[in-house]
N, C-alpha and C. Protein backbone atom coordinates (compact mmCIF):
# COMPACT_ATOMS: atom_id res chain seq x y z
N MET A 1 -25.75 -36.80 63.31
CA MET A 1 -24.58 -35.57 62.27
C MET A 1 -25.26 -34.95 61.15
N PRO A 2 -25.19 -33.83 61.15
CA PRO A 2 -26.20 -33.46 59.48
C PRO A 2 -25.42 -33.78 58.38
N ASN A 3 -25.65 -33.74 57.09
CA ASN A 3 -25.08 -33.47 56.10
C ASN A 3 -24.79 -32.68 55.25
N THR A 4 -23.31 -32.57 55.18
CA THR A 4 -23.20 -31.32 55.13
C THR A 4 -22.79 -30.71 53.56
N PHE A 5 -23.34 -31.55 52.86
CA PHE A 5 -23.82 -31.25 51.34
C PHE A 5 -24.88 -31.94 51.17
N ASP A 6 -26.27 -31.12 51.62
CA ASP A 6 -27.48 -31.74 51.03
C ASP A 6 -27.82 -31.09 49.61
N LYS A 7 -28.91 -31.72 49.42
CA LYS A 7 -28.94 -31.21 47.81
C LYS A 7 -29.12 -29.96 47.54
N LYS A 8 -29.98 -29.05 48.54
CA LYS A 8 -29.92 -27.63 48.20
C LYS A 8 -28.14 -26.98 47.92
N THR A 9 -27.52 -27.49 48.66
CA THR A 9 -26.30 -26.83 48.63
C THR A 9 -25.48 -27.62 47.16
N CYS A 10 -25.48 -28.34 46.90
CA CYS A 10 -25.32 -28.81 45.98
C CYS A 10 -25.63 -27.94 44.48
N LEU A 11 -26.94 -27.77 44.52
CA LEU A 11 -27.81 -27.11 43.46
C LEU A 11 -27.16 -25.79 43.52
N CYS A 12 -27.16 -24.99 44.47
CA CYS A 12 -26.25 -23.73 44.41
C CYS A 12 -24.78 -23.69 44.05
N ILE A 13 -24.21 -24.37 44.29
CA ILE A 13 -22.87 -24.57 43.97
C ILE A 13 -22.84 -25.01 42.36
N LEU A 14 -23.72 -25.88 41.92
CA LEU A 14 -23.88 -26.04 40.61
C LEU A 14 -23.99 -25.01 39.75
N VAL A 15 -24.95 -24.05 40.17
CA VAL A 15 -26.02 -22.80 39.76
C VAL A 15 -24.65 -22.01 39.82
N LEU A 16 -23.81 -21.78 40.78
CA LEU A 16 -22.88 -20.64 40.67
C LEU A 16 -21.55 -21.33 39.41
N LEU A 17 -21.27 -22.71 39.44
CA LEU A 17 -20.34 -23.01 38.48
C LEU A 17 -20.75 -22.43 37.26
N THR A 18 -21.97 -22.73 37.13
CA THR A 18 -22.61 -22.43 35.70
C THR A 18 -22.90 -21.39 35.06
N LEU A 19 -22.89 -20.32 36.35
CA LEU A 19 -23.06 -18.85 35.82
C LEU A 19 -21.30 -18.17 36.04
N LEU A 20 -20.44 -18.95 36.65
CA LEU A 20 -19.06 -18.67 36.23
C LEU A 20 -18.46 -19.00 34.87
N TYR A 21 -18.81 -19.96 34.19
CA TYR A 21 -18.77 -20.46 33.35
C TYR A 21 -19.27 -19.39 31.93
N ALA A 22 -20.42 -19.38 32.30
CA ALA A 22 -21.43 -18.39 31.29
C ALA A 22 -20.62 -17.19 31.19
N LEU A 23 -20.12 -16.49 32.47
CA LEU A 23 -19.78 -15.31 32.41
C LEU A 23 -18.23 -15.50 32.05
N SER A 24 -17.43 -16.29 32.18
CA SER A 24 -16.15 -16.88 31.34
C SER A 24 -16.29 -16.75 29.98
N ALA A 25 -17.43 -17.15 29.45
CA ALA A 25 -17.56 -17.25 28.37
C ALA A 25 -17.80 -16.48 27.43
N CYS A 26 -18.56 -14.95 28.56
CA CYS A 26 -18.93 -13.80 27.72
C CYS A 26 -17.42 -12.80 27.66
N ASP A 27 -17.10 -12.82 28.67
CA ASP A 27 -15.41 -12.08 28.71
C ASP A 27 -14.58 -13.10 27.56
N THR A 28 -14.65 -14.17 27.22
CA THR A 28 -14.16 -14.33 26.08
C THR A 28 -14.82 -13.95 24.66
N SER A 29 -15.75 -14.21 24.64
CA SER A 29 -16.65 -13.50 23.57
C SER A 29 -16.36 -11.71 23.50
N ALA A 30 -16.01 -11.31 24.48
CA ALA A 30 -15.81 -9.92 24.21
C ALA A 30 -14.63 -9.89 23.88
N LYS A 31 -13.60 -10.63 24.70
CA LYS A 31 -12.06 -10.09 23.98
C LYS A 31 -12.07 -10.63 22.74
N LEU A 32 -12.64 -11.57 22.04
CA LEU A 32 -12.50 -12.02 20.67
C LEU A 32 -13.31 -10.88 19.64
N GLU A 33 -14.13 -10.34 20.22
CA GLU A 33 -15.32 -8.81 19.35
C GLU A 33 -14.00 -7.89 19.32
N ARG A 34 -13.31 -7.43 20.71
CA ARG A 34 -12.45 -6.37 20.92
C ARG A 34 -11.51 -6.43 19.71
N ARG A 35 -10.73 -7.62 19.75
CA ARG A 35 -9.56 -8.26 18.89
C ARG A 35 -9.94 -7.82 17.52
N TYR A 36 -10.96 -8.36 17.06
CA TYR A 36 -11.68 -8.01 15.81
C TYR A 36 -12.18 -6.53 15.67
N MET A 37 -12.38 -5.88 16.34
CA MET A 37 -12.55 -4.46 16.19
C MET A 37 -11.18 -3.85 16.07
N ASP A 38 -10.45 -3.97 16.87
CA ASP A 38 -8.95 -3.65 16.79
C ASP A 38 -8.23 -4.13 15.32
N GLU A 39 -8.77 -4.82 14.87
CA GLU A 39 -7.98 -5.17 13.42
C GLU A 39 -8.53 -4.83 12.49
N GLN A 40 -10.12 -4.40 12.62
CA GLN A 40 -10.81 -3.72 11.73
C GLN A 40 -10.03 -2.24 11.73
N ILE A 41 -10.10 -1.27 13.24
CA ILE A 41 -9.32 -0.38 12.74
C ILE A 41 -8.45 -0.28 12.16
N LYS A 42 -7.18 -0.99 12.76
CA LYS A 42 -5.79 -1.05 12.28
C LYS A 42 -6.06 -0.93 10.80
N ALA A 43 -6.53 -2.15 9.88
CA ALA A 43 -7.04 -2.05 8.91
C ALA A 43 -7.28 -0.61 8.10
N GLU A 44 -8.30 0.05 8.63
CA GLU A 44 -8.90 0.88 8.19
C GLU A 44 -7.85 2.47 8.45
N LEU A 45 -7.24 2.36 9.10
CA LEU A 45 -5.81 3.48 9.58
C LEU A 45 -4.71 2.81 8.54
N TYR A 46 -4.22 1.78 8.04
CA TYR A 46 -3.35 1.32 6.98
C TYR A 46 -3.99 1.57 5.87
N GLU A 47 -5.09 1.57 5.25
CA GLU A 47 -5.62 2.01 3.89
C GLU A 47 -5.70 3.40 4.09
N GLU A 48 -5.76 4.31 5.02
CA GLU A 48 -5.74 5.70 5.10
C GLU A 48 -4.11 6.06 5.21
N ASN A 49 -3.45 5.25 5.85
CA ASN A 49 -2.19 5.93 5.98
C ASN A 49 -1.52 5.72 4.41
N LEU A 50 -1.48 4.64 3.73
CA LEU A 50 -1.09 4.21 2.68
C LEU A 50 -1.55 5.41 1.52
N ILE A 51 -2.29 6.10 1.39
CA ILE A 51 -2.97 7.11 0.52
C ILE A 51 -2.17 8.18 0.66
N THR A 52 -2.39 8.34 2.45
CA THR A 52 -1.75 9.98 2.63
C THR A 52 0.14 9.42 2.24
N ILE A 53 0.55 8.41 2.44
CA ILE A 53 2.07 8.26 2.22
C ILE A 53 2.08 8.36 0.76
N ASN A 54 1.47 7.90 -0.26
CA ASN A 54 1.43 7.73 -1.50
C ASN A 54 1.39 9.34 -1.92
N GLU A 55 0.23 9.75 -1.47
CA GLU A 55 0.10 11.50 -2.19
C GLU A 55 1.48 12.30 -1.26
N GLU A 56 1.75 12.11 -0.36
CA GLU A 56 2.65 12.90 0.37
C GLU A 56 4.31 12.75 -0.56
N ALA A 57 4.50 11.27 -0.72
CA ALA A 57 5.35 11.32 -1.86
C ALA A 57 5.69 11.76 -3.42
N ALA A 58 4.31 11.86 -3.97
CA ALA A 58 3.91 12.64 -4.81
C ALA A 58 4.33 13.97 -4.74
N ASP A 59 3.80 14.59 -3.52
CA ASP A 59 4.23 16.11 -3.14
C ASP A 59 5.59 16.46 -3.53
N GLU A 60 6.22 15.65 -2.65
CA GLU A 60 7.33 15.56 -2.09
C GLU A 60 8.24 15.35 -3.67
N LEU A 61 7.62 14.48 -4.95
CA LEU A 61 8.68 14.55 -5.57
C LEU A 61 8.54 15.75 -6.74
N LEU A 62 7.42 16.50 -6.61
CA LEU A 62 7.00 17.46 -7.62
C LEU A 62 7.61 18.34 -6.74
N GLY A 63 8.49 18.52 -5.79
CA GLY A 63 8.77 19.65 -4.65
C GLY A 63 10.28 19.51 -5.18
N SER A 64 11.06 18.18 -5.45
CA SER A 64 12.49 18.08 -5.80
C SER A 64 12.67 18.39 -7.05
N CYS A 65 11.92 18.23 -8.02
CA CYS A 65 12.40 18.79 -9.13
C CYS A 65 12.92 19.87 -9.64
N ASN A 66 14.72 19.54 -10.30
CA ASN A 66 15.43 20.32 -10.76
C ASN A 66 15.07 21.40 -12.08
N VAL A 67 13.98 20.53 -12.90
CA VAL A 67 13.35 21.46 -13.95
C VAL A 67 12.15 20.98 -13.86
N PRO A 68 11.05 22.18 -13.68
CA PRO A 68 9.46 22.09 -13.25
C PRO A 68 8.87 20.90 -14.19
N ILE A 69 7.81 20.58 -13.39
CA ILE A 69 7.27 19.48 -14.99
C ILE A 69 6.06 20.42 -15.02
N ASP A 70 6.16 20.92 -16.86
CA ASP A 70 5.30 21.48 -17.30
C ASP A 70 4.23 20.95 -17.24
N GLN A 71 2.80 21.81 -16.36
CA GLN A 71 1.22 20.66 -16.18
C GLN A 71 0.71 20.66 -17.62
N ASN A 72 0.91 21.16 -18.43
CA ASN A 72 0.20 21.41 -19.32
C ASN A 72 0.56 20.30 -20.89
N GLU A 73 2.51 19.62 -20.69
CA GLU A 73 2.42 18.12 -21.27
C GLU A 73 1.83 16.98 -20.23
N THR A 74 1.99 16.41 -21.22
CA THR A 74 1.18 15.00 -20.37
C THR A 74 2.42 14.30 -19.61
N VAL A 75 2.28 13.65 -19.31
CA VAL A 75 3.38 12.38 -18.19
C VAL A 75 2.61 11.08 -18.20
N ILE A 76 3.13 10.15 -18.25
CA ILE A 76 2.69 8.77 -17.87
C ILE A 76 3.18 8.03 -16.43
N VAL A 77 2.48 7.67 -15.75
CA VAL A 77 2.71 6.75 -14.44
C VAL A 77 2.93 5.54 -14.68
N THR A 78 3.83 4.90 -14.58
CA THR A 78 3.86 3.32 -14.79
C THR A 78 4.08 2.56 -13.08
N SER A 79 3.93 1.31 -13.35
CA SER A 79 3.68 0.64 -11.84
C SER A 79 5.12 0.43 -11.37
N ILE A 80 5.03 0.83 -9.92
CA ILE A 80 6.19 0.46 -9.15
C ILE A 80 6.45 -1.06 -9.29
N VAL A 81 7.86 -1.13 -9.52
CA VAL A 81 8.37 -2.55 -10.46
C VAL A 81 9.55 -2.96 -8.85
N ASN A 82 9.43 -3.98 -8.29
CA ASN A 82 10.21 -4.76 -7.49
C ASN A 82 11.50 -4.84 -8.27
N ILE A 83 12.58 -4.14 -6.95
CA ILE A 83 14.12 -4.00 -7.69
C ILE A 83 14.82 -5.39 -7.71
N ASP A 84 14.14 -6.21 -7.59
CA ASP A 84 14.99 -7.41 -7.57
C ASP A 84 14.45 -7.84 -9.12
N ASP A 85 13.19 -7.66 -9.57
CA ASP A 85 12.94 -8.24 -11.17
C ASP A 85 12.21 -7.20 -11.72
N MET A 86 12.44 -6.39 -12.10
CA MET A 86 12.03 -5.27 -12.68
C MET A 86 10.83 -5.28 -13.66
N HIS A 87 10.79 -6.71 -13.85
CA HIS A 87 9.31 -7.06 -14.77
C HIS A 87 8.26 -7.40 -13.79
N ARG A 88 8.45 -7.05 -12.47
CA ARG A 88 7.28 -7.78 -11.47
C ARG A 88 6.84 -6.30 -10.55
N SER A 89 5.37 -6.26 -10.45
CA SER A 89 4.91 -5.46 -9.67
C SER A 89 4.35 -6.28 -8.59
N SER A 90 3.60 -5.87 -7.95
CA SER A 90 2.61 -6.10 -6.78
C SER A 90 1.12 -5.55 -6.59
N THR A 91 0.36 -5.78 -5.90
CA THR A 91 -0.93 -5.63 -5.68
C THR A 91 -0.58 -3.60 -5.02
N LEU A 92 0.16 -3.79 -4.12
CA LEU A 92 0.28 -2.45 -3.83
C LEU A 92 1.38 -1.38 -4.20
N GLY A 93 2.06 -2.37 -5.45
CA GLY A 93 3.08 -1.09 -6.27
C GLY A 93 2.15 -0.99 -7.25
N ARG A 94 1.40 -1.32 -8.05
CA ARG A 94 0.18 -1.15 -8.72
C ARG A 94 -0.92 -0.11 -7.97
N MET A 95 -1.10 -0.25 -6.76
CA MET A 95 -2.17 0.84 -6.38
C MET A 95 -1.16 2.05 -6.12
N SER A 96 0.24 1.80 -5.46
CA SER A 96 0.48 3.14 -5.10
C SER A 96 0.81 4.11 -6.52
N SER A 97 1.12 3.66 -7.30
CA SER A 97 1.26 3.96 -9.18
C SER A 97 -0.26 4.81 -9.29
N GLU A 98 -1.36 4.08 -8.64
CA GLU A 98 -2.22 4.44 -8.59
C GLU A 98 -2.71 5.94 -8.26
N MET A 99 -2.76 5.85 -7.02
CA MET A 99 -2.60 6.90 -6.06
C MET A 99 -2.04 7.74 -6.14
N ILE A 100 -0.61 8.15 -6.91
CA ILE A 100 0.22 8.84 -7.09
C ILE A 100 0.16 9.75 -8.37
N ALA A 101 -0.56 8.93 -9.62
CA ALA A 101 -1.20 9.54 -10.78
C ALA A 101 -2.50 10.20 -10.47
N ASN A 102 -3.18 9.94 -9.44
CA ASN A 102 -4.43 10.56 -9.25
C ASN A 102 -3.77 11.89 -8.38
N ARG A 103 -3.21 11.59 -7.53
CA ARG A 103 -2.66 12.96 -6.98
C ARG A 103 -2.06 14.22 -7.96
N LEU A 104 -0.85 13.41 -8.86
CA LEU A 104 -0.88 14.81 -9.71
C LEU A 104 -1.70 15.39 -10.51
N ALA A 105 -2.98 14.46 -11.05
CA ALA A 105 -3.73 14.98 -11.57
C ALA A 105 -4.76 15.95 -10.84
N GLN A 106 -4.64 15.69 -9.51
CA GLN A 106 -5.47 16.51 -8.54
C GLN A 106 -4.55 18.32 -8.65
N HIS A 107 -3.37 17.75 -8.76
CA HIS A 107 -2.56 19.06 -9.00
C HIS A 107 -2.43 19.65 -10.29
N GLY A 108 -3.39 19.29 -11.01
CA GLY A 108 -3.74 19.93 -12.52
C GLY A 108 -2.45 19.11 -13.51
N TYR A 109 -2.19 18.55 -13.24
CA TYR A 109 -0.88 17.71 -14.17
C TYR A 109 -1.65 16.92 -15.18
N SER A 110 -1.23 16.94 -16.40
CA SER A 110 -1.77 15.79 -17.39
C SER A 110 -1.19 14.54 -17.32
N VAL A 111 -1.87 14.01 -17.22
CA VAL A 111 -1.49 12.61 -16.72
C VAL A 111 -2.44 11.45 -17.58
N ARG A 112 -1.67 10.81 -18.66
CA ARG A 112 -2.07 10.16 -19.42
C ARG A 112 -2.62 8.54 -19.00
N GLU A 113 -3.63 8.07 -19.24
CA GLU A 113 -3.76 6.68 -18.88
C GLU A 113 -3.39 5.65 -19.89
N ILE A 114 -2.60 4.54 -19.68
CA ILE A 114 -2.27 4.06 -19.98
C ILE A 114 -2.63 2.70 -20.46
N LYS A 115 -3.64 2.52 -19.54
CA LYS A 115 -4.01 0.88 -19.25
C LYS A 115 -4.89 0.65 -20.72
N MET A 116 -5.39 1.70 -21.22
CA MET A 116 -5.92 1.53 -22.64
C MET A 116 -5.23 1.99 -23.76
N GLY A 117 -4.20 2.05 -23.69
CA GLY A 117 -3.24 2.12 -24.75
C GLY A 117 -2.54 0.91 -24.96
N ARG A 118 -1.89 0.82 -26.35
CA ARG A 118 -1.10 -0.50 -26.86
C ARG A 118 -0.14 -0.59 -27.11
N ASN A 119 0.45 0.76 -27.14
CA ASN A 119 2.18 0.70 -27.42
C ASN A 119 3.20 0.44 -25.82
N ILE A 120 2.56 0.34 -24.83
CA ILE A 120 3.32 0.33 -23.72
C ILE A 120 2.85 -1.03 -23.25
N PHE A 121 3.84 -2.02 -22.62
CA PHE A 121 3.88 -3.26 -22.22
C PHE A 121 2.97 -2.86 -21.24
N VAL A 122 1.31 -3.83 -20.96
CA VAL A 122 0.82 -3.59 -20.16
C VAL A 122 0.34 -4.91 -19.55
N SER A 123 0.64 -5.58 -18.33
CA SER A 123 0.09 -6.95 -17.90
C SER A 123 -0.61 -6.53 -16.56
N GLU A 124 -2.04 -7.15 -16.98
CA GLU A 124 -3.20 -7.20 -16.13
C GLU A 124 -2.51 -7.86 -14.59
N ALA A 125 -1.83 -8.91 -14.47
CA ALA A 125 -1.22 -9.30 -13.10
C ALA A 125 -0.36 -8.17 -12.65
N GLU A 126 0.39 -7.47 -13.61
CA GLU A 126 1.69 -6.64 -13.44
C GLU A 126 1.77 -5.62 -13.56
N GLY A 127 1.02 -4.96 -14.29
CA GLY A 127 1.12 -3.57 -14.08
C GLY A 127 1.36 -3.12 -15.85
N GLU A 128 2.04 -1.71 -15.70
CA GLU A 128 2.34 -0.62 -16.88
C GLU A 128 4.03 -1.09 -16.70
N PHE A 129 4.78 -1.40 -17.88
CA PHE A 129 6.12 -1.24 -17.53
C PHE A 129 6.92 -0.51 -19.05
N ILE A 130 7.86 0.00 -18.45
CA ILE A 130 8.73 0.65 -19.97
C ILE A 130 10.12 0.30 -19.54
N LEU A 131 10.48 0.35 -20.78
CA LEU A 131 12.28 -0.02 -20.62
C LEU A 131 13.19 0.63 -20.80
N SER A 132 13.90 1.36 -20.12
CA SER A 132 14.54 2.60 -20.56
C SER A 132 15.05 3.16 -21.71
N ARG A 133 15.67 1.91 -22.73
CA ARG A 133 15.93 2.22 -23.98
C ARG A 133 14.29 2.51 -24.72
N GLU A 134 13.01 2.48 -24.14
CA GLU A 134 12.46 2.69 -25.15
C GLU A 134 11.91 4.10 -24.65
N LEU A 135 12.39 4.71 -23.83
CA LEU A 135 11.51 5.94 -23.34
C LEU A 135 11.23 7.39 -24.33
N HIS A 136 12.44 7.21 -24.98
CA HIS A 136 12.54 8.02 -25.97
C HIS A 136 11.49 8.01 -27.25
N GLU A 137 11.41 6.97 -27.55
CA GLU A 137 10.18 6.18 -28.82
C GLU A 137 9.10 6.42 -28.29
N ILE A 138 8.17 6.25 -26.84
CA ILE A 138 7.12 5.74 -26.32
C ILE A 138 6.86 7.64 -26.38
N GLY A 139 7.88 8.33 -25.52
CA GLY A 139 7.61 9.77 -25.54
C GLY A 139 7.32 10.64 -26.54
N GLU A 140 8.21 10.14 -27.73
CA GLU A 140 7.43 10.92 -28.87
C GLU A 140 6.13 10.20 -29.41
N LYS A 141 5.86 8.64 -29.48
CA LYS A 141 4.71 8.17 -29.94
C LYS A 141 3.60 8.73 -29.22
N HIS A 142 3.68 8.70 -27.73
CA HIS A 142 2.59 9.28 -26.75
C HIS A 142 2.15 10.89 -26.46
N ASP A 143 3.69 11.78 -27.59
CA ASP A 143 3.68 13.01 -27.11
C ASP A 143 3.84 13.35 -25.75
N VAL A 144 4.37 12.87 -25.03
CA VAL A 144 4.65 12.79 -23.55
C VAL A 144 6.29 13.62 -23.00
N GLN A 145 5.89 14.24 -21.87
CA GLN A 145 7.42 15.19 -21.78
C GLN A 145 8.32 13.94 -20.61
N GLY A 146 7.30 13.15 -20.11
CA GLY A 146 8.51 12.26 -19.05
C GLY A 146 7.48 11.09 -18.86
N PHE A 147 8.15 10.41 -17.70
CA PHE A 147 7.50 9.19 -16.84
C PHE A 147 7.69 9.29 -15.60
N ILE A 148 6.70 8.80 -14.60
CA ILE A 148 6.83 8.55 -13.04
C ILE A 148 7.34 7.23 -13.17
N VAL A 149 8.58 6.64 -12.50
CA VAL A 149 8.82 5.58 -12.52
C VAL A 149 9.08 5.06 -10.97
N GLY A 150 9.18 3.75 -10.81
CA GLY A 150 9.34 3.59 -9.00
C GLY A 150 10.06 2.31 -9.29
N THR A 151 10.97 2.17 -7.99
CA THR A 151 10.79 1.11 -7.77
C THR A 151 10.86 0.18 -6.20
N TYR A 152 10.63 -0.64 -5.37
CA TYR A 152 10.42 -1.28 -4.44
C TYR A 152 11.15 -2.27 -3.95
N ALA A 153 11.71 -2.09 -2.70
CA ALA A 153 12.48 -3.29 -1.84
C ALA A 153 12.08 -3.50 -0.41
N LYS A 154 11.36 -4.91 -0.30
CA LYS A 154 10.99 -5.03 1.27
C LYS A 154 11.73 -5.43 2.05
N GLY A 155 11.69 -5.01 3.07
CA GLY A 155 12.69 -5.03 4.41
C GLY A 155 12.56 -6.27 4.80
N GLU A 156 13.23 -6.66 5.85
CA GLU A 156 13.04 -7.66 6.50
C GLU A 156 11.93 -7.39 7.63
N THR A 157 11.42 -8.91 7.59
CA THR A 157 10.40 -9.32 9.10
C THR A 157 10.68 -9.68 10.39
N ARG A 158 11.13 -8.62 11.30
CA ARG A 158 11.89 -9.16 12.45
C ARG A 158 10.94 -9.23 13.65
N GLN A 159 10.97 -10.00 14.80
CA GLN A 159 10.32 -9.77 16.14
C GLN A 159 10.61 -8.27 16.16
N PHE A 160 9.61 -7.89 16.59
CA PHE A 160 9.26 -6.52 17.43
C PHE A 160 9.41 -5.33 16.90
N ALA A 161 9.55 -5.35 15.38
CA ALA A 161 10.12 -4.25 14.57
C ALA A 161 8.85 -4.15 13.48
N ASN A 162 8.58 -2.88 12.97
CA ASN A 162 7.63 -2.79 12.02
C ASN A 162 8.14 -3.23 10.75
N THR A 163 7.49 -3.96 9.83
CA THR A 163 7.92 -4.48 8.27
C THR A 163 7.39 -3.07 7.59
N GLU A 164 8.95 -3.37 6.91
CA GLU A 164 8.90 -1.96 5.82
C GLU A 164 9.11 -1.86 4.57
N VAL A 165 8.67 -1.38 3.91
CA VAL A 165 8.82 -1.46 2.28
C VAL A 165 9.70 0.10 1.63
N PHE A 166 10.50 -0.44 1.08
CA PHE A 166 11.35 1.40 0.69
C PHE A 166 11.34 1.13 -0.57
N VAL A 167 10.77 2.65 -1.34
CA VAL A 167 10.36 2.88 -2.17
C VAL A 167 11.08 4.08 -2.81
N SER A 168 11.46 3.83 -4.12
CA SER A 168 12.19 4.90 -4.44
C SER A 168 11.65 5.45 -5.89
N LEU A 169 10.99 6.42 -6.14
CA LEU A 169 10.28 7.30 -6.90
C LEU A 169 10.88 8.15 -7.88
N ARG A 170 10.54 8.56 -9.00
CA ARG A 170 11.65 9.22 -9.85
C ARG A 170 10.97 9.79 -10.73
N TYR A 171 10.76 11.08 -11.45
CA TYR A 171 10.36 11.72 -12.71
C TYR A 171 11.61 11.55 -13.55
N VAL A 172 11.18 10.80 -15.15
CA VAL A 172 12.61 10.79 -15.71
C VAL A 172 11.86 11.30 -17.11
N ASP A 173 12.88 12.27 -17.71
CA ASP A 173 12.14 12.52 -19.07
C ASP A 173 12.44 11.99 -20.11
N THR A 174 12.04 12.00 -21.42
CA THR A 174 12.02 11.16 -22.65
C THR A 174 13.58 11.06 -22.86
N GLY A 175 14.38 11.64 -22.37
CA GLY A 175 16.06 11.63 -22.63
C GLY A 175 16.46 10.56 -21.79
N ASN A 176 16.02 9.82 -20.68
CA ASN A 176 16.06 9.07 -19.62
C ASN A 176 16.89 9.96 -18.88
N ILE A 177 16.55 11.29 -18.58
CA ILE A 177 17.41 11.91 -17.69
C ILE A 177 16.62 12.10 -16.32
N ILE A 178 17.00 11.85 -14.91
CA ILE A 178 16.10 11.92 -13.79
C ILE A 178 16.02 13.67 -13.35
N ARG A 179 14.86 13.95 -13.05
CA ARG A 179 14.82 15.26 -13.52
C ARG A 179 13.92 15.78 -11.90
N CYS A 180 13.63 14.34 -11.13
CA CYS A 180 12.84 14.81 -9.78
C CYS A 180 13.33 13.37 -9.24
N SER A 181 13.44 13.48 -7.64
CA SER A 181 13.71 12.22 -7.32
C SER A 181 12.91 12.30 -5.61
N HIS A 182 12.41 11.16 -5.47
CA HIS A 182 12.04 11.27 -3.88
C HIS A 182 12.27 9.64 -3.04
N ASN A 183 12.60 9.30 -2.19
CA ASN A 183 12.92 7.64 -1.15
C ASN A 183 11.51 8.10 -0.35
N TYR A 184 10.93 7.03 -0.29
CA TYR A 184 9.91 7.47 1.05
C TYR A 184 10.02 5.80 1.76
N ILE A 185 8.91 5.72 2.76
CA ILE A 185 8.88 4.23 3.33
C ILE A 185 7.92 3.84 3.75
N VAL A 186 7.32 2.38 3.54
CA VAL A 186 5.57 2.65 3.69
C VAL A 186 5.61 1.18 4.61
N SER A 187 5.26 1.94 6.23
CA SER A 187 5.41 1.08 7.48
C SER A 187 4.42 0.09 7.64
N ASP A 188 4.73 -0.57 8.21
CA ASP A 188 3.30 -1.57 8.89
C ASP A 188 2.71 -2.22 8.22
N THR A 189 3.12 -2.63 7.15
CA THR A 189 2.60 -3.28 5.85
C THR A 189 2.82 -4.61 6.01
N ASP A 190 2.01 -4.86 5.10
CA ASP A 190 1.68 -6.70 4.95
C ASP A 190 2.50 -6.88 3.79
N LEU A 191 3.71 -7.46 3.80
CA LEU A 191 4.31 -7.75 2.67
C LEU A 191 4.14 -8.67 2.08
N ASN A 192 2.99 -9.54 2.08
CA ASN A 192 2.38 -10.43 1.09
C ASN A 192 1.71 -9.48 0.08
N MET A 193 1.19 -8.67 0.18
CA MET A 193 0.68 -7.61 -0.79
C MET A 193 1.82 -6.76 -1.63
N TRP A 194 3.14 -6.93 -1.07
CA TRP A 194 4.35 -6.60 -1.83
C TRP A 194 5.09 -7.70 -3.11
N GLN A 195 4.13 -8.61 -3.16
CA GLN A 195 4.61 -10.13 -3.96
C GLN A 195 4.10 -9.96 -5.49
């Protein structure tokens, strides 16, 4: 009776198993590479989306004014702050304010850069803050017509739902009167960047 598993057959089976293992490793490697690429694309889209959202928010804010903002007079843009702690901002709160200030400047508005000033509370870790009782005094001292201010609140993280941050943006004159306002949502965001 012939041996059904001779050396040649065993060798062929071993080679086939090795090839199958190698192919499965390639498949896993391809899946990891594809997942990495998907994450990179998602991050790039998120960054573009954040810029677009903030630029559109600035445009909407300017369009909602009941008293026009004079482009020849200066405004100050402060850091968007956490609604639950008005003395705290976040990485994305500060960056959103920067994007909004840039958009105003693109439209020809005079935006004062206050990170270089001394009379407004500026914290490197937190951003630029102005207390409402100081608006008139700071407005006169810096010869500005008003301030772009804002608050944000983080939404809850839920399974199968987008994470959202709710932002309220306002233009307030030196008399502490809201002249323009706009609310918007930043979706699909990393909530850790808003802490």
